[in-house]
N, C-alpha and C. Protein backbone atom coordinates (compact mmCIF):
# COMPACT_ATOMS: atom_id res chain seq x y z
N MET A 1 -45.80 -16.71 -198.14
CA MET A 1 -46.58 -17.25 -199.39
C MET A 1 -46.07 -16.82 -200.43
N GLY A 2 -46.02 -17.57 -201.57
CA GLY A 2 -45.09 -16.92 -202.57
C GLY A 2 -46.23 -16.17 -203.60
N MET A 3 -45.39 -16.03 -204.71
CA MET A 3 -46.28 -14.98 -205.54
C MET A 3 -46.12 -15.82 -206.89
N THR A 4 -47.41 -15.59 -207.58
CA THR A 4 -47.99 -16.39 -208.36
C THR A 4 -47.84 -15.65 -209.68
N VAL A 5 -47.26 -16.26 -210.65
CA VAL A 5 -47.18 -15.92 -211.90
C VAL A 5 -47.89 -16.59 -212.98
N THR A 6 -48.67 -15.62 -213.82
CA THR A 6 -49.40 -16.32 -214.81
C THR A 6 -48.55 -16.00 -216.39
N TYR A 7 -48.56 -16.76 -217.26
CA TYR A 7 -48.18 -16.62 -218.45
C TYR A 7 -49.33 -16.82 -219.58
N LEU A 8 -49.84 -15.83 -220.41
CA LEU A 8 -50.60 -15.54 -221.49
C LEU A 8 -50.20 -15.41 -222.85
N GLU A 9 -51.22 -16.12 -223.71
CA GLU A 9 -50.48 -15.72 -224.76
C GLU A 9 -51.65 -15.81 -226.13
N MET A 10 -51.59 -15.28 -227.33
CA MET A 10 -52.58 -15.17 -227.77
C MET A 10 -52.01 -15.45 -229.38
N THR A 11 -51.94 -16.43 -229.98
CA THR A 11 -51.59 -16.92 -231.38
C THR A 11 -52.18 -16.46 -232.71
N GLY A 12 -53.21 -15.66 -232.65
CA GLY A 12 -53.49 -14.71 -234.10
C GLY A 12 -54.51 -13.67 -233.48
N PRO A 13 -54.20 -12.58 -234.42
CA PRO A 13 -54.71 -11.58 -234.13
C PRO A 13 -56.36 -11.37 -234.19
N GLY A 14 -56.82 -12.67 -234.61
CA GLY A 14 -58.30 -12.75 -234.75
C GLY A 14 -58.86 -12.77 -233.54
N GLU A 15 -57.86 -13.36 -232.41
CA GLU A 15 -58.41 -13.91 -231.20
C GLU A 15 -58.59 -12.72 -230.27
N LEU A 16 -58.20 -11.59 -230.84
CA LEU A 16 -58.57 -9.92 -230.01
C LEU A 16 -59.58 -10.03 -229.84
N LYS A 17 -60.27 -9.59 -228.38
CA LYS A 17 -61.77 -9.51 -228.31
C LYS A 17 -61.65 -7.77 -227.58
N PRO A 18 -61.91 -6.89 -228.43
CA PRO A 18 -61.67 -5.55 -228.12
C PRO A 18 -62.50 -4.88 -226.85
N GLY A 19 -61.53 -4.14 -226.00
CA GLY A 19 -62.38 -3.51 -224.87
C GLY A 19 -63.32 -2.39 -225.32
N ARG A 20 -63.91 -1.78 -224.51
CA ARG A 20 -64.89 -0.72 -224.90
C ARG A 20 -64.21 0.57 -225.54
N THR A 21 -64.15 0.83 -226.68
CA THR A 21 -63.53 1.89 -227.42
C THR A 21 -63.41 3.47 -226.34
N VAL A 22 -62.57 3.96 -226.46
CA VAL A 22 -62.43 5.34 -225.69
C VAL A 22 -61.59 5.90 -227.01
N PRO A 23 -62.26 6.71 -227.61
CA PRO A 23 -62.00 7.49 -228.94
C PRO A 23 -60.71 8.26 -228.35
N ALA A 24 -60.55 9.26 -227.38
CA ALA A 24 -59.57 9.97 -227.42
C ALA A 24 -58.22 9.25 -226.88
N LEU A 25 -58.25 8.00 -226.73
CA LEU A 25 -57.01 7.29 -226.18
C LEU A 25 -56.33 6.65 -227.44
N GLU A 26 -54.91 6.91 -227.31
CA GLU A 26 -54.16 6.57 -228.56
C GLU A 26 -52.52 6.07 -228.15
N LEU A 27 -51.99 5.49 -228.99
CA LEU A 27 -50.86 5.31 -228.69
C LEU A 27 -49.86 5.94 -229.35
N ARG A 28 -48.54 6.44 -228.58
CA ARG A 28 -47.81 7.08 -229.29
C ARG A 28 -46.18 6.54 -228.94
N ARG A 29 -45.54 6.74 -229.83
CA ARG A 29 -44.04 5.95 -229.85
C ARG A 29 -43.01 6.83 -229.21
N GLU A 30 -42.39 6.33 -228.30
CA GLU A 30 -41.48 7.45 -227.78
C GLU A 30 -40.20 6.65 -227.55
N ALA A 31 -39.10 7.28 -227.80
CA ALA A 31 -37.66 6.59 -227.53
C ALA A 31 -37.44 5.91 -225.88
N GLY A 32 -36.99 5.08 -226.10
CA GLY A 32 -36.54 4.08 -224.76
C GLY A 32 -35.77 4.76 -223.92
N LEU A 33 -35.23 5.75 -223.93
CA LEU A 33 -34.17 6.66 -223.02
C LEU A 33 -34.61 7.61 -222.73
N SER A 34 -35.75 8.03 -223.00
CA SER A 34 -36.33 9.35 -223.06
C SER A 34 -36.69 9.38 -221.40
N ALA A 35 -36.81 10.65 -220.85
CA ALA A 35 -37.05 10.46 -219.54
C ALA A 35 -38.43 10.34 -219.24
N LEU A 36 -39.22 10.46 -220.23
CA LEU A 36 -40.56 10.34 -219.88
C LEU A 36 -40.91 9.14 -219.96
N VAL A 37 -40.39 8.00 -220.62
CA VAL A 37 -40.57 6.89 -220.56
C VAL A 37 -40.19 6.32 -219.35
N ARG A 38 -38.79 6.80 -218.91
CA ARG A 38 -38.66 6.54 -217.44
C ARG A 38 -39.32 6.74 -216.48
N SER A 39 -39.92 7.99 -216.29
CA SER A 39 -40.78 8.35 -215.24
C SER A 39 -42.01 7.62 -215.29
N VAL A 40 -42.57 7.62 -216.58
CA VAL A 40 -44.33 6.93 -216.81
C VAL A 40 -43.93 5.42 -216.20
N GLN A 41 -43.11 4.89 -216.71
CA GLN A 41 -42.92 3.34 -216.00
C GLN A 41 -42.59 3.16 -214.57
N ALA A 42 -41.81 4.25 -213.96
CA ALA A 42 -41.54 4.26 -212.88
C ALA A 42 -42.82 4.51 -211.86
N ARG A 43 -43.46 5.60 -212.21
CA ARG A 43 -44.98 5.57 -211.83
C ARG A 43 -46.06 4.51 -211.96
N VAL A 44 -45.71 3.94 -212.92
CA VAL A 44 -47.23 2.97 -213.04
C VAL A 44 -46.85 1.63 -212.20
N GLY A 45 -45.48 1.46 -212.44
CA GLY A 45 -44.75 0.20 -211.57
C GLY A 45 -44.64 0.06 -210.14
N ALA A 46 -44.55 1.76 -209.67
CA ALA A 46 -44.17 1.66 -208.32
C ALA A 46 -44.90 1.21 -207.17
N ALA A 47 -46.44 1.00 -207.34
CA ALA A 47 -47.47 0.54 -206.53
C ALA A 47 -47.30 -1.21 -206.49
N TYR A 48 -46.90 -1.79 -207.84
CA TYR A 48 -46.63 -3.06 -208.01
C TYR A 48 -45.21 -3.75 -207.43
N GLY A 49 -43.97 -2.79 -207.32
CA GLY A 49 -42.84 -3.47 -207.00
C GLY A 49 -42.39 -3.54 -208.06
N TRP A 50 -42.31 -3.14 -209.38
CA TRP A 50 -41.82 -3.50 -210.59
C TRP A 50 -40.20 -2.85 -210.38
N ARG A 51 -39.45 -3.87 -210.63
CA ARG A 51 -37.80 -3.38 -210.98
C ARG A 51 -37.59 -2.17 -211.53
N SER A 52 -38.26 -1.65 -212.59
CA SER A 52 -38.33 -0.70 -213.59
C SER A 52 -38.68 0.27 -212.57
N SER A 53 -39.36 0.66 -211.31
CA SER A 53 -39.71 1.45 -210.92
C SER A 53 -38.03 2.41 -209.85
N THR A 54 -37.63 1.46 -209.57
CA THR A 54 -36.34 1.87 -209.20
C THR A 54 -35.13 2.08 -209.81
N ARG A 55 -34.76 2.00 -211.53
CA ARG A 55 -33.95 1.78 -212.06
C ARG A 55 -33.23 2.89 -212.03
N SER A 56 -31.91 2.69 -212.19
CA SER A 56 -30.92 3.92 -212.14
C SER A 56 -30.88 4.46 -213.56
N GLU A 57 -30.15 5.49 -213.82
CA GLU A 57 -29.68 5.87 -215.00
C GLU A 57 -29.16 4.83 -216.11
N GLN A 58 -27.95 4.30 -215.07
CA GLN A 58 -27.07 3.08 -215.58
C GLN A 58 -27.94 2.19 -216.06
N ASP A 59 -28.74 1.50 -215.19
CA ASP A 59 -29.69 0.24 -215.38
C ASP A 59 -30.17 0.51 -216.79
N TRP A 60 -30.79 2.09 -217.18
CA TRP A 60 -31.50 2.39 -218.10
C TRP A 60 -30.63 1.90 -219.40
N GLN A 61 -29.54 2.57 -219.31
CA GLN A 61 -28.41 2.60 -220.46
C GLN A 61 -28.11 0.83 -221.02
N GLU A 62 -28.00 0.25 -219.73
CA GLU A 62 -27.64 -1.19 -219.68
C GLU A 62 -28.64 -1.84 -220.58
N LEU A 63 -29.91 -1.67 -220.04
CA LEU A 63 -31.24 -2.05 -220.66
C LEU A 63 -31.35 -1.79 -222.06
N ALA A 64 -31.10 -0.88 -222.53
CA ALA A 64 -31.33 -0.28 -223.87
C ALA A 64 -30.42 -0.97 -224.81
N LEU A 65 -29.14 -1.14 -224.12
CA LEU A 65 -28.17 -1.76 -224.92
C LEU A 65 -28.55 -3.59 -225.10
N ALA A 66 -28.64 -3.96 -223.90
CA ALA A 66 -29.36 -5.51 -223.99
C ALA A 66 -30.35 -5.78 -224.83
N HIS A 67 -31.34 -4.75 -225.15
CA HIS A 67 -32.69 -5.26 -225.55
C HIS A 67 -32.94 -3.83 -226.84
N PRO A 68 -32.35 -3.59 -227.58
CA PRO A 68 -32.12 -2.60 -228.81
C PRO A 68 -33.48 -2.54 -229.59
N LEU A 69 -34.42 -3.83 -229.27
CA LEU A 69 -35.25 -3.59 -230.42
C LEU A 69 -36.56 -3.50 -229.60
N ARG A 70 -36.71 -3.20 -228.24
CA ARG A 70 -37.77 -3.34 -227.62
C ARG A 70 -38.49 -1.55 -227.56
N GLN A 71 -39.55 -1.73 -227.62
CA GLN A 71 -40.35 -0.47 -228.05
C GLN A 71 -41.01 0.21 -227.02
N TYR A 72 -41.18 1.57 -227.06
CA TYR A 72 -41.82 2.14 -225.71
C TYR A 72 -42.71 2.74 -226.39
N TRP A 73 -44.29 2.57 -225.91
CA TRP A 73 -45.55 3.22 -226.36
C TRP A 73 -46.39 4.01 -225.44
N LEU A 74 -46.02 5.35 -225.38
CA LEU A 74 -46.85 6.09 -224.64
C LEU A 74 -48.58 5.95 -224.63
N LEU A 75 -49.63 5.67 -223.72
CA LEU A 75 -50.91 5.64 -224.12
C LEU A 75 -51.32 7.19 -223.44
N MET A 76 -51.89 7.83 -224.76
CA MET A 76 -52.27 8.90 -224.51
C MET A 76 -53.80 9.28 -224.65
N LEU A 77 -54.28 9.78 -223.31
CA LEU A 77 -55.60 10.23 -223.42
C LEU A 77 -55.85 11.73 -223.51
N ALA A 78 -56.58 11.96 -224.67
CA ALA A 78 -56.67 13.34 -224.92
C ALA A 78 -55.22 14.30 -225.04
N GLY A 79 -54.16 13.80 -225.35
CA GLY A 79 -52.84 14.68 -225.25
C GLY A 79 -52.35 14.22 -224.25
N GLU A 80 -52.50 13.73 -223.10
CA GLU A 80 -52.31 13.60 -221.96
C GLU A 80 -51.52 12.26 -221.85
N THR A 81 -50.37 12.05 -220.74
CA THR A 81 -49.86 10.82 -220.64
C THR A 81 -50.82 9.97 -220.21
N ALA A 82 -50.96 8.49 -220.07
CA ALA A 82 -52.11 8.20 -219.16
C ALA A 82 -51.27 6.67 -218.97
N GLY A 83 -50.38 6.23 -219.63
CA GLY A 83 -49.84 4.78 -219.34
C GLY A 83 -48.70 4.11 -220.29
N ILE A 84 -48.11 3.27 -220.47
CA ILE A 84 -47.12 2.68 -221.30
C ILE A 84 -47.52 1.47 -221.57
N ALA A 85 -47.02 1.13 -222.68
CA ALA A 85 -46.83 -0.49 -223.03
C ALA A 85 -45.49 -0.56 -223.77
N ALA A 86 -44.70 -1.61 -223.26
CA ALA A 86 -43.50 -1.69 -223.56
C ALA A 86 -43.48 -3.30 -224.84
N LEU A 87 -43.22 -3.24 -226.02
CA LEU A 87 -43.45 -4.50 -226.69
C LEU A 87 -42.01 -4.85 -227.08
N GLU A 88 -41.44 -6.14 -227.48
CA GLU A 88 -40.25 -6.68 -227.70
C GLU A 88 -40.50 -7.46 -228.58
N PRO A 89 -39.85 -7.49 -229.87
CA PRO A 89 -39.93 -8.87 -230.89
C PRO A 89 -39.11 -9.91 -230.58
N GLN A 90 -39.40 -10.91 -230.79
CA GLN A 90 -38.25 -12.10 -230.52
C GLN A 90 -38.30 -13.14 -231.49
N PRO A 91 -37.61 -13.84 -231.32
CA PRO A 91 -36.93 -14.75 -232.47
C PRO A 91 -38.31 -15.75 -232.18
N GLY A 92 -38.68 -16.52 -233.79
CA GLY A 92 -39.80 -17.24 -234.05
C GLY A 92 -40.97 -16.46 -234.11
N GLY A 93 -40.86 -15.37 -234.56
CA GLY A 93 -42.14 -14.82 -234.78
C GLY A 93 -43.03 -14.47 -233.48
N ASP A 94 -42.61 -14.17 -232.19
CA ASP A 94 -43.02 -14.01 -230.86
C ASP A 94 -42.67 -12.27 -230.92
N VAL A 95 -43.78 -11.83 -230.28
CA VAL A 95 -43.60 -10.35 -229.64
C VAL A 95 -44.33 -10.50 -228.19
N GLU A 96 -43.02 -9.84 -227.22
CA GLU A 96 -43.62 -9.89 -225.76
C GLU A 96 -44.23 -8.56 -225.46
N ILE A 97 -45.21 -8.36 -224.67
CA ILE A 97 -45.53 -7.15 -224.03
C ILE A 97 -44.83 -7.24 -222.81
N ARG A 98 -43.82 -6.38 -222.82
CA ARG A 98 -42.88 -6.17 -221.55
C ARG A 98 -43.28 -5.57 -220.30
N THR A 99 -44.29 -4.43 -220.67
CA THR A 99 -44.80 -3.69 -220.07
C THR A 99 -46.15 -3.38 -220.40
N PHE A 100 -47.08 -3.20 -219.52
CA PHE A 100 -48.43 -2.52 -219.81
C PHE A 100 -48.91 -2.21 -218.40
N GLY A 101 -49.25 -0.65 -218.41
CA GLY A 101 -49.95 -0.45 -216.93
C GLY A 101 -50.61 1.25 -217.32
N LEU A 102 -51.43 1.43 -216.63
CA LEU A 102 -51.91 3.07 -216.38
C LEU A 102 -51.09 3.46 -215.05
N LEU A 103 -51.10 5.02 -215.55
CA LEU A 103 -50.75 5.76 -214.37
C LEU A 103 -51.76 5.78 -213.19
N PRO A 104 -51.08 5.92 -212.06
CA PRO A 104 -52.30 5.96 -210.51
C PRO A 104 -53.44 6.67 -211.16
N GLU A 105 -53.71 7.47 -211.40
CA GLU A 105 -54.35 8.75 -211.65
C GLU A 105 -55.42 8.30 -212.92
N TYR A 106 -55.40 7.39 -213.56
CA TYR A 106 -56.07 6.75 -214.69
C TYR A 106 -56.82 5.69 -214.41
N VAL A 107 -56.16 4.72 -213.43
CA VAL A 107 -56.65 3.50 -212.56
C VAL A 107 -57.97 3.57 -212.31
N GLY A 108 -58.88 2.63 -212.89
CA GLY A 108 -60.46 2.97 -212.33
C GLY A 108 -61.42 3.76 -213.40
N GLN A 109 -60.83 4.16 -214.30
CA GLN A 109 -61.67 5.25 -214.93
C GLN A 109 -62.34 4.53 -216.30
N GLY A 110 -62.30 3.11 -216.45
CA GLY A 110 -62.56 2.39 -217.60
C GLY A 110 -61.61 2.43 -219.13
N LEU A 111 -60.30 2.69 -218.59
CA LEU A 111 -59.56 2.76 -219.70
C LEU A 111 -58.81 1.61 -220.21
N GLY A 112 -58.30 0.75 -219.23
CA GLY A 112 -57.86 -0.52 -219.33
C GLY A 112 -57.89 -1.56 -220.44
N GLY A 113 -59.15 -2.09 -220.71
CA GLY A 113 -59.64 -2.76 -221.82
C GLY A 113 -59.30 -2.02 -223.17
N HIS A 114 -59.41 -1.04 -223.34
CA HIS A 114 -59.08 -0.30 -224.55
C HIS A 114 -57.71 -0.06 -224.88
N ALA A 115 -57.00 0.25 -223.83
CA ALA A 115 -55.45 0.24 -223.40
C ALA A 115 -54.70 -0.97 -224.02
N LEU A 116 -55.33 -1.56 -223.33
CA LEU A 116 -54.84 -3.27 -223.56
C LEU A 116 -55.18 -3.68 -225.53
N THR A 117 -56.31 -3.06 -225.73
CA THR A 117 -56.65 -3.45 -227.31
C THR A 117 -55.64 -2.76 -227.98
N LEU A 118 -55.28 -1.35 -227.84
CA LEU A 118 -54.68 -0.89 -228.44
C LEU A 118 -53.09 -1.37 -228.74
N ALA A 119 -52.31 -2.10 -227.36
CA ALA A 119 -51.25 -2.38 -227.25
C ALA A 119 -51.27 -3.74 -227.60
N LEU A 120 -52.36 -4.26 -227.63
CA LEU A 120 -52.07 -5.79 -228.68
C LEU A 120 -52.21 -5.78 -230.19
N GLN A 121 -52.94 -4.84 -230.60
CA GLN A 121 -52.82 -4.45 -232.24
C GLN A 121 -51.81 -3.86 -232.79
N GLN A 122 -51.24 -3.31 -231.46
CA GLN A 122 -49.44 -2.89 -231.80
C GLN A 122 -48.52 -3.74 -231.93
N ALA A 123 -48.48 -4.95 -231.18
CA ALA A 123 -48.11 -5.71 -231.06
C ALA A 123 -48.08 -6.98 -232.38
N TRP A 124 -49.48 -6.93 -232.68
CA TRP A 124 -49.78 -7.54 -233.89
C TRP A 124 -48.79 -7.07 -235.12
N ALA A 125 -48.73 -5.78 -235.11
CA ALA A 125 -48.32 -4.90 -236.38
C ALA A 125 -46.72 -4.55 -236.07
N THR A 126 -46.29 -5.47 -235.08
CA THR A 126 -44.73 -5.31 -234.80
C THR A 126 -44.05 -5.98 -236.06
N GLU A 127 -42.96 -5.70 -236.29
CA GLU A 127 -41.88 -6.06 -237.22
C GLU A 127 -41.48 -7.43 -236.74
N PRO A 128 -41.73 -8.91 -237.22
CA PRO A 128 -41.06 -9.60 -236.29
C PRO A 128 -39.87 -10.02 -236.65
N LEU A 129 -38.84 -10.87 -235.78
CA LEU A 129 -37.67 -11.44 -236.02
C LEU A 129 -37.81 -12.58 -237.08
N GLU A 130 -37.11 -12.78 -237.66
CA GLU A 130 -36.74 -14.15 -238.33
C GLU A 130 -37.97 -15.15 -238.93
N ALA A 131 -38.92 -14.08 -239.17
CA ALA A 131 -40.22 -14.98 -239.44
C ALA A 131 -40.84 -14.01 -240.28
N GLU A 132 -41.88 -14.52 -241.36
CA GLU A 132 -42.60 -13.69 -241.85
C GLU A 132 -43.75 -12.73 -241.54
N ALA A 133 -44.55 -13.31 -240.44
CA ALA A 133 -45.50 -12.68 -239.73
C ALA A 133 -45.09 -12.87 -237.95
N VAL A 134 -45.90 -11.86 -237.48
CA VAL A 134 -46.20 -12.40 -236.00
C VAL A 134 -46.71 -13.41 -235.87
N ARG A 135 -46.41 -14.56 -234.81
CA ARG A 135 -47.24 -15.57 -234.82
C ARG A 135 -47.75 -15.96 -233.43
N ARG A 136 -47.17 -15.00 -232.72
CA ARG A 136 -47.95 -15.22 -231.04
C ARG A 136 -47.48 -13.77 -230.48
N VAL A 137 -48.34 -13.65 -229.61
CA VAL A 137 -48.09 -12.31 -228.65
C VAL A 137 -48.25 -12.61 -227.45
N TRP A 138 -47.37 -12.60 -226.16
CA TRP A 138 -47.22 -13.28 -225.07
C TRP A 138 -47.10 -12.05 -223.96
N LEU A 139 -47.43 -12.19 -222.74
CA LEU A 139 -47.21 -11.64 -221.71
C LEU A 139 -47.06 -12.13 -220.25
N HIS A 140 -46.51 -11.84 -219.36
CA HIS A 140 -46.89 -12.36 -217.90
C HIS A 140 -47.36 -11.37 -216.97
N THR A 141 -47.79 -12.03 -215.91
CA THR A 141 -48.26 -10.84 -214.73
C THR A 141 -48.09 -11.70 -213.63
N ASN A 142 -48.37 -10.96 -212.31
CA ASN A 142 -48.44 -11.67 -211.19
C ASN A 142 -49.25 -11.32 -210.14
N SER A 143 -49.24 -11.60 -209.28
CA SER A 143 -50.04 -11.51 -207.99
C SER A 143 -50.10 -10.40 -207.16
N ASN A 144 -48.81 -9.48 -207.44
CA ASN A 144 -48.70 -8.41 -207.30
C ASN A 144 -49.40 -7.11 -207.97
N ASP A 145 -49.58 -7.34 -209.43
CA ASP A 145 -49.88 -6.43 -209.92
C ASP A 145 -51.31 -6.36 -209.77
N HIS A 146 -51.66 -5.30 -210.55
CA HIS A 146 -53.41 -4.44 -210.59
C HIS A 146 -54.27 -5.76 -210.16
N PRO A 147 -55.12 -5.65 -209.03
CA PRO A 147 -56.19 -6.77 -209.22
C PRO A 147 -57.10 -7.43 -210.51
N SER A 148 -56.99 -6.49 -211.17
CA SER A 148 -57.76 -6.38 -212.30
C SER A 148 -57.17 -6.88 -213.71
N ALA A 149 -55.45 -7.05 -213.64
CA ALA A 149 -54.66 -7.34 -214.73
C ALA A 149 -55.42 -8.43 -215.50
N LEU A 150 -54.91 -9.39 -214.50
CA LEU A 150 -55.46 -10.59 -215.32
C LEU A 150 -56.87 -10.84 -215.94
N GLY A 151 -57.70 -10.36 -215.20
CA GLY A 151 -59.03 -10.35 -215.95
C GLY A 151 -59.14 -9.76 -217.32
N ASN A 152 -58.40 -8.51 -217.38
CA ASN A 152 -58.40 -7.85 -218.71
C ASN A 152 -57.63 -8.53 -219.08
N TYR A 153 -56.47 -8.97 -218.79
CA TYR A 153 -55.62 -9.77 -220.24
C TYR A 153 -56.64 -10.99 -220.93
N ARG A 154 -57.24 -11.47 -219.94
CA ARG A 154 -58.30 -13.16 -220.41
C ARG A 154 -59.46 -12.26 -221.26
N SER A 155 -60.23 -11.58 -220.89
CA SER A 155 -61.15 -10.91 -221.38
C SER A 155 -60.68 -10.50 -223.10
N ARG A 156 -59.47 -9.81 -223.24
CA ARG A 156 -58.67 -9.55 -224.35
C ARG A 156 -58.44 -10.71 -225.56
N GLY A 157 -59.04 -11.90 -224.90
CA GLY A 157 -58.57 -12.75 -225.73
C GLY A 157 -57.16 -13.94 -225.16
N LEU A 158 -56.49 -13.17 -224.41
CA LEU A 158 -55.16 -14.11 -224.33
C LEU A 158 -55.45 -14.70 -223.23
N ARG A 159 -54.96 -16.00 -223.50
CA ARG A 159 -54.97 -17.51 -222.89
C ARG A 159 -53.83 -18.20 -221.82
N VAL A 160 -54.18 -18.55 -220.88
CA VAL A 160 -53.23 -18.72 -219.79
C VAL A 160 -52.70 -19.94 -220.66
N TYR A 161 -51.08 -20.00 -220.37
CA TYR A 161 -50.62 -21.16 -220.97
C TYR A 161 -49.59 -21.50 -219.53
N ARG A 162 -49.26 -21.05 -218.86
CA ARG A 162 -48.54 -21.82 -217.91
C ARG A 162 -48.69 -20.56 -216.47
N THR A 163 -48.36 -21.51 -215.36
CA THR A 163 -48.59 -20.70 -214.31
C THR A 163 -47.62 -21.39 -212.88
N GLU A 164 -46.71 -20.39 -212.47
CA GLU A 164 -46.27 -20.76 -211.30
C GLU A 164 -46.36 -20.09 -210.06
N VAL A 165 -45.81 -20.71 -208.99
CA VAL A 165 -45.78 -19.94 -207.74
C VAL A 165 -43.80 -19.55 -207.59
N GLN A 166 -43.42 -18.47 -207.38
CA GLN A 166 -42.13 -18.43 -206.67
C GLN A 166 -42.23 -17.78 -205.31
N GLU A 167 -41.27 -18.40 -204.74
CA GLU A 167 -41.06 -18.12 -203.41
C GLU A 167 -40.39 -17.05 -202.99
């Protein structure tokens, strides 16, 4: 049986449906090559088979060179690292959420809705490439990701625009 990949988008910041507010949760920008980013992304993705969970130092260096505009944002809960979001501006006013997730010890605590709200707000605030304003925020998820991921994305106002099955 193949893996289902679902692509979702939001075409205006007014489409965002915020999750329940978690006052102590915030975003903090972090350098992409930092050991903390590498560690958090590896820990978040390990349970879901993300390639980032097994990247070598050289892989990270190559990624940074290939994607110099990618931004890494740590999800911080009362000063403690709780997860990560990676955003990448693209031509035409698009911003892709390349990575989004919580560390295992924070999953199931009701943080996902507000964490995604913060990531989407930051995506809309990202300086776009070749456009006056961000016109679309998009991401993809797959059937190996957390079972609540797709529901959270849809609950925040993201709409499915393509689904495919990969063998």
